[in-house]
Structures are given as C-alpha cells and as structure tokens.
Amino acid sequence: MHNSRKRCKALQNLQIETDADKALYDLLKVGESEIIFWANTKNISYPFANFQELFIYILKARFERNQSTREQEKSESL
C-alpha cells in the first residue's frame, strides 16, 4: 500500500477511535447516576469519584490490553 494511503487510513482510524471515545465519555457523563445505582443494586463496588475517573480507567485498561496483545504477537512472530 502506498505511504499516503496508509497515512490516510491511519487518520481515518484515529478519527473513528476518537469519535468512539467521545461517545463513551458522553454516555458515562449522562448515565453516571444510573451506573452507580445499577452497581449498588448488584453489590458491585464503584470506586470512582466521578465519571471521568471511570472513563480514564477504561482507556487505561484498553491501552494495557492492547500493549499486552502487541507484545504477545511480537513474541509469537519471533
């Protein structure tokens, strides 16, 4: 694939990922009280001070999972 096409595809992927993250942020913001209520009814701990902390927790977990997957794929290709 040509370099400019790869860059264009990478930018398109970044835009999709950013849009998805923004949508998640908005959902957590609007639904925070419902999430807390649901967690309480299920006796699930909700250790976050606010929805932003939950959002960062989710992004960090996804990043760490992706890093782990990349490292595993790299070691398997050796």
N, C-alpha and C. Protein backbone atom coordinates (compact mmCIF):
# COMPACT_ATOMS: atom_id res chain seq x y z
N MET A 1 0.85 -1.18 0.00
CA MET A 1 0.00 0.00 0.00
C MET A 1 0.89 1.24 0.00
N HIS A 2 0.53 2.24 -0.72
CA HIS A 2 1.28 3.48 -0.82
C HIS A 2 1.29 4.21 0.52
N ASN A 3 2.40 4.92 0.82
CA ASN A 3 2.56 5.60 2.12
C ASN A 3 1.45 6.59 2.40
N SER A 4 1.05 7.38 1.41
CA SER A 4 0.00 8.38 1.65
C SER A 4 -1.34 7.70 1.93
N ARG A 5 -1.58 6.56 1.32
CA ARG A 5 -2.82 5.81 1.60
C ARG A 5 -2.80 5.26 3.02
N LYS A 6 -1.63 4.78 3.44
CA LYS A 6 -1.51 4.27 4.82
C LYS A 6 -1.77 5.38 5.82
N ARG A 7 -1.20 6.56 5.55
CA ARG A 7 -1.41 7.70 6.45
C ARG A 7 -2.87 8.12 6.48
N CYS A 8 -3.49 8.13 5.32
CA CYS A 8 -4.91 8.50 5.23
C CYS A 8 -5.76 7.50 6.01
N LYS A 9 -5.47 6.21 5.83
CA LYS A 9 -6.21 5.17 6.56
C LYS A 9 -5.97 5.30 8.06
N ALA A 10 -4.72 5.59 8.45
CA ALA A 10 -4.40 5.76 9.87
C ALA A 10 -5.17 6.95 10.45
N LEU A 11 -5.28 8.03 9.70
CA LEU A 11 -6.04 9.19 10.17
C LEU A 11 -7.53 8.88 10.26
N GLN A 12 -8.04 8.11 9.30
CA GLN A 12 -9.45 7.71 9.36
C GLN A 12 -9.69 6.84 10.59
N ASN A 13 -8.79 5.92 10.86
CA ASN A 13 -8.92 5.06 12.05
C ASN A 13 -8.85 5.88 13.32
N LEU A 14 -7.95 6.86 13.36
CA LEU A 14 -7.85 7.73 14.53
C LEU A 14 -9.14 8.51 14.75
N GLN A 15 -9.73 9.00 13.67
CA GLN A 15 -10.99 9.74 13.78
C GLN A 15 -12.10 8.85 14.32
N ILE A 16 -12.19 7.63 13.83
CA ILE A 16 -13.20 6.68 14.32
C ILE A 16 -12.99 6.38 15.79
N GLU A 17 -11.73 6.13 16.16
CA GLU A 17 -11.41 5.83 17.55
C GLU A 17 -11.73 7.02 18.47
N THR A 18 -11.40 8.21 18.00
CA THR A 18 -11.68 9.42 18.78
C THR A 18 -13.18 9.63 18.93
N ASP A 19 -13.92 9.43 17.86
CA ASP A 19 -15.38 9.57 17.92
C ASP A 19 -15.98 8.56 18.91
N ALA A 20 -15.46 7.34 18.89
CA ALA A 20 -15.95 6.31 19.81
C ALA A 20 -15.64 6.68 21.26
N ASP A 21 -14.43 7.19 21.50
CA ASP A 21 -14.06 7.60 22.86
C ASP A 21 -14.94 8.75 23.34
N LYS A 22 -15.22 9.70 22.45
CA LYS A 22 -16.08 10.84 22.81
C LYS A 22 -17.49 10.35 23.12
N ALA A 23 -17.99 9.41 22.34
CA ALA A 23 -19.33 8.86 22.59
C ALA A 23 -19.37 8.15 23.93
N LEU A 24 -18.32 7.38 24.24
CA LEU A 24 -18.25 6.71 25.55
C LEU A 24 -18.24 7.73 26.67
N TYR A 25 -17.43 8.77 26.53
CA TYR A 25 -17.36 9.83 27.53
C TYR A 25 -18.75 10.44 27.76
N ASP A 26 -19.43 10.77 26.67
CA ASP A 26 -20.76 11.36 26.78
C ASP A 26 -21.75 10.42 27.45
N LEU A 27 -21.69 9.13 27.10
CA LEU A 27 -22.59 8.15 27.73
C LEU A 27 -22.33 8.03 29.23
N LEU A 28 -21.06 7.98 29.60
CA LEU A 28 -20.73 7.89 31.03
C LEU A 28 -21.18 9.14 31.78
N LYS A 29 -21.02 10.28 31.14
CA LYS A 29 -21.43 11.55 31.77
C LYS A 29 -22.94 11.57 32.03
N VAL A 30 -23.71 11.22 31.00
CA VAL A 30 -25.17 11.25 31.12
C VAL A 30 -25.69 10.13 32.01
N GLY A 31 -25.03 8.98 31.94
CA GLY A 31 -25.54 7.81 32.65
C GLY A 31 -24.88 7.51 33.98
N GLU A 32 -24.06 8.44 34.47
CA GLU A 32 -23.32 8.17 35.71
C GLU A 32 -24.23 7.73 36.87
N SER A 33 -25.31 8.43 37.08
CA SER A 33 -26.19 8.08 38.21
C SER A 33 -26.81 6.70 38.02
N GLU A 34 -27.15 6.35 36.79
CA GLU A 34 -27.71 5.03 36.52
C GLU A 34 -26.67 3.93 36.72
N ILE A 35 -25.44 4.21 36.33
CA ILE A 35 -24.36 3.23 36.52
C ILE A 35 -24.13 2.99 38.00
N ILE A 36 -24.07 4.06 38.77
CA ILE A 36 -23.87 3.93 40.22
C ILE A 36 -25.04 3.18 40.86
N PHE A 37 -26.25 3.52 40.47
CA PHE A 37 -27.43 2.84 41.01
C PHE A 37 -27.38 1.35 40.67
N TRP A 38 -27.09 1.02 39.41
CA TRP A 38 -27.01 -0.37 38.99
C TRP A 38 -25.95 -1.12 39.79
N ALA A 39 -24.77 -0.51 39.94
CA ALA A 39 -23.69 -1.15 40.70
C ALA A 39 -24.13 -1.41 42.13
N ASN A 40 -24.80 -0.45 42.74
CA ASN A 40 -25.27 -0.62 44.12
C ASN A 40 -26.28 -1.75 44.23
N THR A 41 -27.19 -1.86 43.27
CA THR A 41 -28.21 -2.92 43.33
C THR A 41 -27.60 -4.30 43.15
N LYS A 42 -26.43 -4.37 42.50
CA LYS A 42 -25.75 -5.65 42.27
C LYS A 42 -24.62 -5.89 43.27
N ASN A 43 -24.53 -5.01 44.27
CA ASN A 43 -23.45 -5.07 45.26
C ASN A 43 -22.07 -5.07 44.61
N ILE A 44 -21.93 -4.25 43.58
CA ILE A 44 -20.66 -4.08 42.88
C ILE A 44 -20.02 -2.79 43.35
N SER A 45 -18.76 -2.86 43.72
CA SER A 45 -18.04 -1.67 44.16
C SER A 45 -17.90 -0.68 43.01
N TYR A 46 -18.12 0.59 43.30
CA TYR A 46 -17.92 1.67 42.33
C TYR A 46 -16.91 2.63 42.95
N PRO A 47 -15.61 2.38 42.73
CA PRO A 47 -14.57 3.13 43.44
C PRO A 47 -14.21 4.49 42.82
N PHE A 48 -14.98 4.94 41.85
CA PHE A 48 -14.63 6.16 41.13
C PHE A 48 -15.32 7.38 41.74
N ALA A 49 -14.57 8.46 41.85
CA ALA A 49 -15.13 9.70 42.41
C ALA A 49 -16.10 10.36 41.44
N ASN A 50 -15.92 10.12 40.15
CA ASN A 50 -16.78 10.71 39.13
C ASN A 50 -16.63 9.92 37.83
N PHE A 51 -17.45 10.27 36.86
CA PHE A 51 -17.44 9.51 35.61
C PHE A 51 -16.13 9.67 34.85
N GLN A 52 -15.42 10.80 35.05
CA GLN A 52 -14.14 10.99 34.37
C GLN A 52 -13.12 9.95 34.83
N GLU A 53 -13.13 9.63 36.12
CA GLU A 53 -12.22 8.60 36.63
C GLU A 53 -12.53 7.24 36.00
N LEU A 54 -13.80 6.92 35.86
CA LEU A 54 -14.20 5.68 35.20
C LEU A 54 -13.75 5.68 33.74
N PHE A 55 -13.92 6.80 33.06
CA PHE A 55 -13.50 6.93 31.66
C PHE A 55 -12.00 6.68 31.52
N ILE A 56 -11.20 7.31 32.36
CA ILE A 56 -9.74 7.13 32.32
C ILE A 56 -9.38 5.68 32.64
N TYR A 57 -10.07 5.08 33.60
CA TYR A 57 -9.82 3.68 33.95
C TYR A 57 -10.06 2.77 32.73
N ILE A 58 -11.14 3.02 32.01
CA ILE A 58 -11.46 2.22 30.83
C ILE A 58 -10.40 2.40 29.75
N LEU A 59 -10.02 3.65 29.49
CA LEU A 59 -8.99 3.91 28.48
C LEU A 59 -7.66 3.27 28.85
N LYS A 60 -7.30 3.36 30.12
CA LYS A 60 -6.03 2.77 30.57
C LYS A 60 -6.08 1.25 30.43
N ALA A 61 -7.18 0.63 30.81
CA ALA A 61 -7.31 -0.83 30.69
C ALA A 61 -7.23 -1.26 29.23
N ARG A 62 -7.86 -0.52 28.34
CA ARG A 62 -7.81 -0.84 26.92
C ARG A 62 -6.38 -0.69 26.39
N PHE A 63 -5.71 0.37 26.79
CA PHE A 63 -4.32 0.58 26.36
C PHE A 63 -3.44 -0.57 26.82
N GLU A 64 -3.55 -0.94 28.09
CA GLU A 64 -2.73 -2.02 28.63
C GLU A 64 -3.04 -3.35 27.95
N ARG A 65 -4.31 -3.60 27.65
CA ARG A 65 -4.69 -4.82 26.95
C ARG A 65 -4.10 -4.84 25.54
N ASN A 66 -4.15 -3.70 24.86
CA ASN A 66 -3.58 -3.61 23.52
C ASN A 66 -2.07 -3.79 23.54
N GLN A 67 -1.41 -3.21 24.54
CA GLN A 67 0.04 -3.37 24.67
C GLN A 67 0.39 -4.83 24.88
N SER A 68 -0.34 -5.50 25.74
CA SER A 68 -0.10 -6.91 26.03
C SER A 68 -0.29 -7.76 24.78
N THR A 69 -1.35 -7.45 24.01
CA THR A 69 -1.62 -8.18 22.78
C THR A 69 -0.51 -7.98 21.77
N ARG A 70 -0.04 -6.75 21.64
CA ARG A 70 1.05 -6.46 20.70
C ARG A 70 2.33 -7.20 21.10
N GLU A 71 2.63 -7.19 22.39
CA GLU A 71 3.83 -7.87 22.86
C GLU A 71 3.74 -9.38 22.62
N GLN A 72 2.55 -9.94 22.84
CA GLN A 72 2.35 -11.36 22.60
C GLN A 72 2.50 -11.69 21.12
N GLU A 73 1.90 -10.88 20.26
CA GLU A 73 2.01 -11.09 18.82
C GLU A 73 3.46 -10.98 18.37
N LYS A 74 4.18 -10.03 18.94
CA LYS A 74 5.59 -9.84 18.58
C LYS A 74 6.42 -11.05 18.99
N SER A 75 6.20 -11.57 20.19
CA SER A 75 6.97 -12.72 20.65
C SER A 75 6.62 -13.98 19.86
N GLU A 76 5.36 -14.08 19.42
CA GLU A 76 4.96 -15.26 18.63
C GLU A 76 5.55 -15.23 17.23
N SER A 77 5.83 -14.03 16.72
CA SER A 77 6.38 -13.93 15.36
C SER A 77 7.88 -14.16 15.32
N LEU A 78 8.52 -14.25 16.48
CA LEU A 78 9.99 -14.47 16.51
C LEU A 78 10.35 -15.91 16.31
